[in-house]
Amino acid sequence: MKLNDALTLRDHPRKLEVGVFVRLWLLAPDQKRLASTNDFADLKARGYPALRCQIKAKYAG
């Protein structure tokens, strides 16, 4: 999933039949994997600030 698309999510996606959370792989603009998570809210709150710095440094523009 592209990072820009993921930032608009309200809740973490899950399989409805069993309520299991789906593992998200967040992708950089060049489609390389940045991070994976089963709890996007936590990643957004804690891990995203560090990812954001990396993305800005590498993909400035």
C-alpha atoms as a PDB file:
ATOM      1  CA  MET A   1       0.000   0.000   0.000  1.00  0.00           C
ATOM      2  CA  LYS A   2       1.357   3.412  -0.872  1.00  0.00           C
ATOM      3  CA  LEU A   3       2.163   5.491   2.183  1.00  0.00           C
ATOM      4  CA  ASN A   4       0.037   8.434   1.024  1.00  0.00           C
ATOM      5  CA  ASP A   5      -2.967   6.136   0.653  1.00  0.00           C
ATOM      6  CA  ALA A   6      -2.400   4.586   4.073  1.00  0.00           C
ATOM      7  CA  LEU A   7      -2.332   7.937   5.870  1.00  0.00           C
ATOM      8  CA  THR A   8      -6.010   8.451   5.041  1.00  0.00           C
ATOM      9  CA  LEU A   9      -7.108   5.228   6.792  1.00  0.00           C
ATOM     10  CA  ARG A  10      -9.256   5.635   9.902  1.00  0.00           C
ATOM     11  CA  ASP A  11      -8.973   2.022  11.055  1.00  0.00           C
ATOM     12  CA  HIS A  12      -6.550  -0.749  10.280  1.00  0.00           C
ATOM     13  CA  PRO A  13      -7.936  -3.110   7.590  1.00  0.00           C
ATOM     14  CA  ARG A  14      -9.009  -6.567   8.749  1.00  0.00           C
ATOM     15  CA  LYS A  15     -10.574  -9.687   7.351  1.00  0.00           C
ATOM     16  CA  LEU A  16     -14.226  -9.325   8.252  1.00  0.00           C
ATOM     17  CA  GLU A  17     -15.046 -13.016   8.597  1.00  0.00           C
ATOM     18  CA  VAL A  18     -12.617 -13.619  11.446  1.00  0.00           C
ATOM     19  CA  GLY A  19     -11.605 -10.115  12.534  1.00  0.00           C
ATOM     20  CA  VAL A  20      -7.926 -10.761  11.856  1.00  0.00           C
ATOM     21  CA  PHE A  21      -5.874  -7.675  11.091  1.00  0.00           C
ATOM     22  CA  VAL A  22      -4.195  -7.568   7.701  1.00  0.00           C
ATOM     23  CA  ARG A  23      -0.437  -6.944   7.556  1.00  0.00           C
ATOM     24  CA  LEU A  24       0.217  -3.712   5.667  1.00  0.00           C
ATOM     25  CA  TRP A  25       3.439  -3.168   3.767  1.00  0.00           C
ATOM     26  CA  LEU A  26       4.006   0.546   3.301  1.00  0.00           C
ATOM     27  CA  LEU A  27       5.732   1.493   0.070  1.00  0.00           C
ATOM     28  CA  ALA A  28       7.960   4.420  -0.850  1.00  0.00           C
ATOM     29  CA  PRO A  29       7.326   6.394  -4.066  1.00  0.00           C
ATOM     30  CA  ASP A  30       9.685   4.007  -5.908  1.00  0.00           C
ATOM     31  CA  GLN A  31       7.595   1.031  -4.649  1.00  0.00           C
ATOM     32  CA  LYS A  32      10.267  -0.209  -2.217  1.00  0.00           C
ATOM     33  CA  ARG A  33       9.067  -1.480   1.153  1.00  0.00           C
ATOM     34  CA  LEU A  34       9.478   0.972   4.020  1.00  0.00           C
ATOM     35  CA  ALA A  35       7.763  -0.814   6.886  1.00  0.00           C
ATOM     36  CA  SER A  36       5.172  -3.427   7.732  1.00  0.00           C
ATOM     37  CA  THR A  37       2.598  -3.366  10.482  1.00  0.00           C
ATOM     38  CA  ASN A  38      -0.422  -5.109  11.942  1.00  0.00           C
ATOM     39  CA  ASP A  39      -1.310  -1.946  13.893  1.00  0.00           C
ATOM     40  CA  PHE A  40      -1.318   1.058  11.614  1.00  0.00           C
ATOM     41  CA  ALA A  41      -2.515   3.477  14.301  1.00  0.00           C
ATOM     42  CA  ASP A  42       0.571   2.674  16.369  1.00  0.00           C
ATOM     43  CA  LEU A  43       2.895   2.961  13.378  1.00  0.00           C
ATOM     44  CA  LYS A  44       1.305   6.269  12.428  1.00  0.00           C
ATOM     45  CA  ALA A  45       1.754   7.629  15.967  1.00  0.00           C
ATOM     46  CA  ARG A  46       5.215   6.244  16.767  1.00  0.00           C
ATOM     47  CA  GLY A  47       7.021   4.994  13.683  1.00  0.00           C
ATOM     48  CA  TYR A  48       5.866   7.428  11.029  1.00  0.00           C
ATOM     49  CA  PRO A  49       7.849  10.456  12.248  1.00  0.00           C
ATOM     50  CA  ALA A  50      11.116   8.539  11.681  1.00  0.00           C
ATOM     51  CA  LEU A  51       9.910   7.206   8.323  1.00  0.00           C
ATOM     52  CA  ARG A  52       8.883  10.699   7.310  1.00  0.00           C
ATOM     53  CA  CYS A  53      12.418  12.006   7.891  1.00  0.00           C
ATOM     54  CA  GLN A  54      13.869   9.194   5.775  1.00  0.00           C
ATOM     55  CA  ILE A  55      11.369   9.798   2.985  1.00  0.00           C
ATOM     56  CA  LYS A  56      11.969  13.546   2.924  1.00  0.00           C
ATOM     57  CA  ALA A  57      15.741  13.049   2.774  1.00  0.00           C
ATOM     58  CA  LYS A  58      15.604  10.485  -0.011  1.00  0.00           C
ATOM     59  CA  TYR A  59      12.641  11.692  -2.070  1.00  0.00           C
ATOM     60  CA  ALA A  60      12.798  15.469  -1.698  1.00  0.00           C
ATOM     61  CA  GLY A  61      11.019  17.312  -4.379  1.00  0.00           C
END
